Each structure stands twice: as C-alpha cells, then as structure tokens.
Amino acid sequence: MASPRIVMKLTVTAVRKEPGEVLVIGLKHPRKPVLPPFEAGSHVDVHLPEGKVRQYSLCGDPTELSRYTIAVKRENDGRGGSAWIHETIAVGSTLPVSAPRNHFALKPGEGPTLLLAGGIGITPVLAMARALTRQPSPSSCTISPAAGRSRHSCR
C-alpha cells in the first residue's frame, strides 16, 4: 500500500446526492490512469481550505483503481468540513486527497460474516461486502443496517 503521506490533486468526476444529506463523490487522477491500491475498510484524508483535514472511507470497489468513491454526510453541527464539501464541490473541482490507509481492515475468517453499520458508517462496509463476494470460500455475509432498513445479503 502507498505511503499515506502522498497527497494527490484529484479531480471530482461525479457528484450524486443521496438521502440523508449525503454526497457520493467520484475522484480520478487527472494524469494517472491508476490510483494507489486500497483494501476494504480504507480511508483517505481530504485536505480542505484553512488547513482542515477530514477522513472519509473509500466506499468504492477495491479492484477498480481508476477512481475512488467517498460519501460525505453533511453535519451542520460539525467542524465545517462536510458543509464546505456540500457547498463547494462540483464536477471538475480539484480535491487534495491522501493515499489510502487502513485502520479498519477486513480480516479473513471462516464461516459467515455479519457486517453491521449505522448511518454514514455504512461506507467502509460497502467495500468490505464487495471484497467478501469475491472470496473463493463458501462463506457468506449479511449487511444489516442499524437504521432500520432491510437486510441485504452479499451472497
């Protein structure tokens, strides 16, 4: 995995509004076709104006390295990072983003896996579910959102 100290100026290629004041943002490098690899559960540091740095989980497919996908929930009572992103970011914008790092790695195991998440906490779990569906073992996983939505089976 690349050093987390690397900061790339990535181009916003997609912005999609989701329920719950969430923006799903697609990011690509303007010159390099492949971004540093990441594992399910990884996050990046997004460098914002005035020296602010915020961490966002990568919720895209770890095998698709031509782009990163993050989801940002607007927190009106937060420290200003999500509000700035919601008010400023558009397709074509540039965001300084670190190489991925992982403090929430998916550990291989035996048997079924239960992925439990609430609210915006679902973002690293999405990448984990994708990784589990690619495992050659007969294990299965279940995503169970804690916010009362229905359960979704990965396999």
C-alpha atoms as a PDB file:
ATOM      1  CA  MET A   1       0.000   0.000   0.000  1.00  0.00           C
ATOM      2  CA  ALA A   2       1.278   3.509  -0.808  1.00  0.00           C
ATOM      3  CA  SER A   3       2.514   5.858   1.884  1.00  0.00           C
ATOM      4  CA  PRO A   4      -0.296   7.863   3.495  1.00  0.00           C
ATOM      5  CA  ARG A   5       1.893  10.980   3.214  1.00  0.00           C
ATOM      6  CA  ILE A   6       1.369  11.143  -0.544  1.00  0.00           C
ATOM      7  CA  VAL A   7      -1.205  13.834  -1.382  1.00  0.00           C
ATOM      8  CA  MET A   8      -2.692  13.786  -4.873  1.00  0.00           C
ATOM      9  CA  LYS A   9      -4.726  16.520  -6.517  1.00  0.00           C
ATOM     10  CA  LEU A  10      -7.727  14.510  -7.688  1.00  0.00           C
ATOM     11  CA  THR A  11     -10.471  15.703  -9.995  1.00  0.00           C
ATOM     12  CA  VAL A  12     -14.107  15.339  -8.994  1.00  0.00           C
ATOM     13  CA  THR A  13     -15.714  13.321 -11.798  1.00  0.00           C
ATOM     14  CA  ALA A  14     -19.134  12.666 -10.264  1.00  0.00           C
ATOM     15  CA  VAL A  15     -21.327  14.118  -7.532  1.00  0.00           C
ATOM     16  CA  ARG A  16     -24.558  12.375  -6.610  1.00  0.00           C
ATOM     17  CA  LYS A  17     -26.982  13.391  -3.861  1.00  0.00           C
ATOM     18  CA  GLU A  18     -28.309  10.555  -1.716  1.00  0.00           C
ATOM     19  CA  PRO A  19     -30.962  10.612   1.008  1.00  0.00           C
ATOM     20  CA  GLY A  20     -29.903  11.829   4.432  1.00  0.00           C
ATOM     21  CA  GLU A  21     -27.829  14.762   3.136  1.00  0.00           C
ATOM     22  CA  VAL A  22     -25.122  12.513   1.721  1.00  0.00           C
ATOM     23  CA  LEU A  23     -22.998  13.359  -1.319  1.00  0.00           C
ATOM     24  CA  VAL A  24     -21.344  10.477  -3.148  1.00  0.00           C
ATOM     25  CA  ILE A  25     -18.232  11.819  -4.840  1.00  0.00           C
ATOM     26  CA  GLY A  26     -16.177  10.155  -7.576  1.00  0.00           C
ATOM     27  CA  LEU A  27     -12.497  11.113  -7.816  1.00  0.00           C
ATOM     28  CA  LYS A  28      -9.891  10.436 -10.531  1.00  0.00           C
ATOM     29  CA  HIS A  29      -6.300  11.470 -11.054  1.00  0.00           C
ATOM     30  CA  PRO A  30      -6.071  13.961 -13.940  1.00  0.00           C
ATOM     31  CA  ARG A  31      -2.995  12.276 -15.497  1.00  0.00           C
ATOM     32  CA  LYS A  32      -2.525   8.819 -13.990  1.00  0.00           C
ATOM     33  CA  PRO A  33      -4.974   6.094 -15.012  1.00  0.00           C
ATOM     34  CA  VAL A  34      -4.383   4.039 -11.841  1.00  0.00           C
ATOM     35  CA  LEU A  35      -4.621   5.294  -8.261  1.00  0.00           C
ATOM     36  CA  PRO A  36      -2.772   3.758  -5.296  1.00  0.00           C
ATOM     37  CA  PRO A  37      -4.422   0.480  -4.250  1.00  0.00           C
ATOM     38  CA  PHE A  38      -6.656   0.178  -1.214  1.00  0.00           C
ATOM     39  CA  GLU A  39      -8.215  -2.570   0.850  1.00  0.00           C
ATOM     40  CA  ALA A  40     -11.787  -2.809   2.066  1.00  0.00           C
ATOM     41  CA  GLY A  41     -12.160  -0.550   5.111  1.00  0.00           C
ATOM     42  CA  SER A  42      -9.569   2.006   3.945  1.00  0.00           C
ATOM     43  CA  HIS A  43      -9.968   5.758   4.181  1.00  0.00           C
ATOM     44  CA  VAL A  44      -8.319   8.829   2.701  1.00  0.00           C
ATOM     45  CA  ASP A  45      -7.511  12.220   4.168  1.00  0.00           C
ATOM     46  CA  VAL A  46      -9.201  15.037   2.267  1.00  0.00           C
ATOM     47  CA  HIS A  47      -7.305  18.309   2.632  1.00  0.00           C
ATOM     48  CA  LEU A  48      -9.648  21.283   2.826  1.00  0.00           C
ATOM     49  CA  PRO A  49      -9.025  25.052   2.927  1.00  0.00           C
ATOM     50  CA  GLU A  50      -7.582  26.653   6.059  1.00  0.00           C
ATOM     51  CA  GLY A  51      -5.557  23.536   6.858  1.00  0.00           C
ATOM     52  CA  LYS A  52      -8.550  21.328   7.690  1.00  0.00           C
ATOM     53  CA  VAL A  53      -8.119  17.600   7.072  1.00  0.00           C
ATOM     54  CA  ARG A  54     -11.047  15.193   7.185  1.00  0.00           C
ATOM     55  CA  GLN A  55     -11.054  11.411   6.820  1.00  0.00           C
ATOM     56  CA  TYR A  56     -13.567   9.685   4.547  1.00  0.00           C
ATOM     57  CA  SER A  57     -13.919   5.958   3.961  1.00  0.00           C
ATOM     58  CA  LEU A  58     -13.492   4.638   0.452  1.00  0.00           C
ATOM     59  CA  CYS A  59     -16.788   3.003  -0.449  1.00  0.00           C
ATOM     60  CA  GLY A  60     -15.964   2.014  -3.997  1.00  0.00           C
ATOM     61  CA  ASP A  61     -14.744  -1.271  -5.357  1.00  0.00           C
ATOM     62  CA  PRO A  62     -11.144  -2.028  -4.235  1.00  0.00           C
ATOM     63  CA  THR A  63     -10.466  -3.671  -7.617  1.00  0.00           C
ATOM     64  CA  GLU A  64     -11.459  -0.525  -9.545  1.00  0.00           C
ATOM     65  CA  LEU A  65      -8.344   1.637  -9.190  1.00  0.00           C
ATOM     66  CA  SER A  66      -9.124   4.172 -11.900  1.00  0.00           C
ATOM     67  CA  ARG A  67     -11.242   6.083  -9.369  1.00  0.00           C
ATOM     68  CA  TYR A  68     -12.012   6.498  -5.684  1.00  0.00           C
ATOM     69  CA  THR A  69     -15.507   6.956  -4.287  1.00  0.00           C
ATOM     70  CA  ILE A  70     -16.268   8.660  -0.978  1.00  0.00           C
ATOM     71  CA  ALA A  71     -19.561   9.582   0.677  1.00  0.00           C
ATOM     72  CA  VAL A  72     -19.864  12.745   2.756  1.00  0.00           C
ATOM     73  CA  LYS A  73     -22.763  13.291   5.126  1.00  0.00           C
ATOM     74  CA  ARG A  74     -23.467  16.939   5.829  1.00  0.00           C
ATOM     75  CA  GLU A  75     -23.085  17.638   9.538  1.00  0.00           C
ATOM     76  CA  ASN A  76     -24.479  21.101  10.232  1.00  0.00           C
ATOM     77  CA  ASP A  77     -23.146  20.998  13.807  1.00  0.00           C
ATOM     78  CA  GLY A  78     -19.753  19.619  12.750  1.00  0.00           C
ATOM     79  CA  ARG A  79     -16.400  21.354  12.329  1.00  0.00           C
ATOM     80  CA  GLY A  80     -17.169  22.690   8.843  1.00  0.00           C
ATOM     81  CA  GLY A  81     -15.562  20.141   6.550  1.00  0.00           C
ATOM     82  CA  SER A  82     -18.719  18.432   5.341  1.00  0.00           C
ATOM     83  CA  ALA A  83     -20.548  21.752   4.956  1.00  0.00           C
ATOM     84  CA  TRP A  84     -17.696  23.103   2.806  1.00  0.00           C
ATOM     85  CA  ILE A  85     -17.760  19.986   0.625  1.00  0.00           C
ATOM     86  CA  HIS A  86     -21.542  20.133   0.182  1.00  0.00           C
ATOM     87  CA  GLU A  87     -21.497  23.846  -0.670  1.00  0.00           C
ATOM     88  CA  THR A  88     -18.389  23.913  -2.868  1.00  0.00           C
ATOM     89  CA  ILE A  89     -17.620  20.633  -4.601  1.00  0.00           C
ATOM     90  CA  ALA A  90     -18.863  20.106  -8.152  1.00  0.00           C
ATOM     91  CA  VAL A  91     -17.780  18.020 -11.123  1.00  0.00           C
ATOM     92  CA  GLY A  92     -14.447  19.419 -12.292  1.00  0.00           C
ATOM     93  CA  SER A  93     -13.349  20.587  -8.825  1.00  0.00           C
ATOM     94  CA  THR A  94      -9.951  19.553  -7.509  1.00  0.00           C
ATOM     95  CA  LEU A  95      -9.520  17.963  -4.076  1.00  0.00           C
ATOM     96  CA  PRO A  96      -6.169  17.200  -2.422  1.00  0.00           C
ATOM     97  CA  VAL A  97      -6.500  13.605  -1.207  1.00  0.00           C
ATOM     98  CA  SER A  98      -4.001  11.342   0.563  1.00  0.00           C
ATOM     99  CA  ALA A  99      -3.131   7.842  -0.494  1.00  0.00           C
ATOM    100  CA  PRO A 100      -5.369   5.332   1.305  1.00  0.00           C
ATOM    101  CA  ARG A 101      -4.607   3.863   4.697  1.00  0.00           C
ATOM    102  CA  ASN A 102      -6.489   1.283   6.689  1.00  0.00           C
ATOM    103  CA  HIS A 103      -7.222   1.172  10.419  1.00  0.00           C
ATOM    104  CA  PHE A 104     -10.372  -0.933   9.886  1.00  0.00           C
ATOM    105  CA  ALA A 105      -9.155  -3.872   7.842  1.00  0.00           C
ATOM    106  CA  LEU A 106     -11.388  -6.774   6.922  1.00  0.00           C
ATOM    107  CA  LYS A 107      -9.862  -9.865   8.496  1.00  0.00           C
ATOM    108  CA  PRO A 108     -10.327 -13.156   6.653  1.00  0.00           C
ATOM    109  CA  GLY A 109     -12.235 -15.689   8.679  1.00  0.00           C
ATOM    110  CA  GLU A 110     -14.188 -18.869   8.478  1.00  0.00           C
ATOM    111  CA  GLY A 111     -17.932 -19.057   8.247  1.00  0.00           C
ATOM    112  CA  PRO A 112     -20.487 -16.346   7.649  1.00  0.00           C
ATOM    113  CA  THR A 113     -19.703 -12.677   8.202  1.00  0.00           C
ATOM    114  CA  LEU A 114     -22.134 -10.135   9.648  1.00  0.00           C
ATOM    115  CA  LEU A 115     -21.470  -6.543   8.599  1.00  0.00           C
ATOM    116  CA  LEU A 116     -23.328  -4.143  10.887  1.00  0.00           C
ATOM    117  CA  ALA A 117     -23.350  -0.408  10.272  1.00  0.00           C
ATOM    118  CA  GLY A 118     -25.435   2.634  11.063  1.00  0.00           C
ATOM    119  CA  GLY A 119     -25.928   5.781   9.012  1.00  0.00           C
ATOM    120  CA  ILE A 120     -22.901   7.032   7.116  1.00  0.00           C
ATOM    121  CA  GLY A 121     -20.913   4.279   8.867  1.00  0.00           C
ATOM    122  CA  ILE A 122     -22.055   2.014   6.042  1.00  0.00           C
ATOM    123  CA  THR A 123     -19.352   3.440   3.718  1.00  0.00           C
ATOM    124  CA  PRO A 124     -16.402   1.182   4.674  1.00  0.00           C
ATOM    125  CA  VAL A 125     -18.793  -1.766   4.975  1.00  0.00           C
ATOM    126  CA  LEU A 126     -19.811  -1.416   1.305  1.00  0.00           C
ATOM    127  CA  ALA A 127     -16.226  -2.032   0.198  1.00  0.00           C
ATOM    128  CA  MET A 128     -15.999  -4.936   2.653  1.00  0.00           C
ATOM    129  CA  ALA A 129     -19.138  -6.518   1.207  1.00  0.00           C
ATOM    130  CA  ARG A 130     -17.679  -6.264  -2.296  1.00  0.00           C
ATOM    131  CA  ALA A 131     -14.451  -7.890  -1.117  1.00  0.00           C
ATOM    132  CA  LEU A 132     -16.329 -10.733   0.590  1.00  0.00           C
ATOM    133  CA  THR A 133     -18.313 -11.528  -2.547  1.00  0.00           C
ATOM    134  CA  ARG A 134     -15.019 -12.120  -4.378  1.00  0.00           C
ATOM    135  CA  GLN A 135     -13.635 -14.604  -1.861  1.00  0.00           C
ATOM    136  CA  PRO A 136     -13.397 -18.135  -3.227  1.00  0.00           C
ATOM    137  CA  SER A 137     -14.548 -19.625   0.088  1.00  0.00           C
ATOM    138  CA  PRO A 138     -18.160 -20.681   0.588  1.00  0.00           C
ATOM    139  CA  SER A 139     -18.664 -18.117   3.381  1.00  0.00           C
ATOM    140  CA  SER A 140     -21.446 -15.601   3.125  1.00  0.00           C
ATOM    141  CA  CYS A 141     -22.017 -12.165   4.538  1.00  0.00           C
ATOM    142  CA  THR A 142     -25.041 -10.171   5.567  1.00  0.00           C
ATOM    143  CA  ILE A 143     -25.241  -6.385   5.686  1.00  0.00           C
ATOM    144  CA  SER A 144     -27.565  -5.293   8.438  1.00  0.00           C
ATOM    145  CA  PRO A 145     -28.058  -1.518   8.535  1.00  0.00           C
ATOM    146  CA  ALA A 146     -28.723  -0.392  12.092  1.00  0.00           C
ATOM    147  CA  ALA A 147     -31.030   2.392  10.928  1.00  0.00           C
ATOM    148  CA  GLY A 148     -33.992   0.056  10.483  1.00  0.00           C
ATOM    149  CA  ARG A 149     -33.682  -0.548   6.764  1.00  0.00           C
ATOM    150  CA  SER A 150     -33.990  -4.050   5.386  1.00  0.00           C
ATOM    151  CA  ARG A 151     -31.124  -6.526   5.464  1.00  0.00           C
ATOM    152  CA  HIS A 152     -29.174  -7.172   2.275  1.00  0.00           C
ATOM    153  CA  SER A 153     -27.326 -10.370   1.552  1.00  0.00           C
ATOM    154  CA  CYS A 154     -23.975 -10.245  -0.262  1.00  0.00           C
ATOM    155  CA  ARG A 155     -24.079 -13.818  -1.395  1.00  0.00           C
END
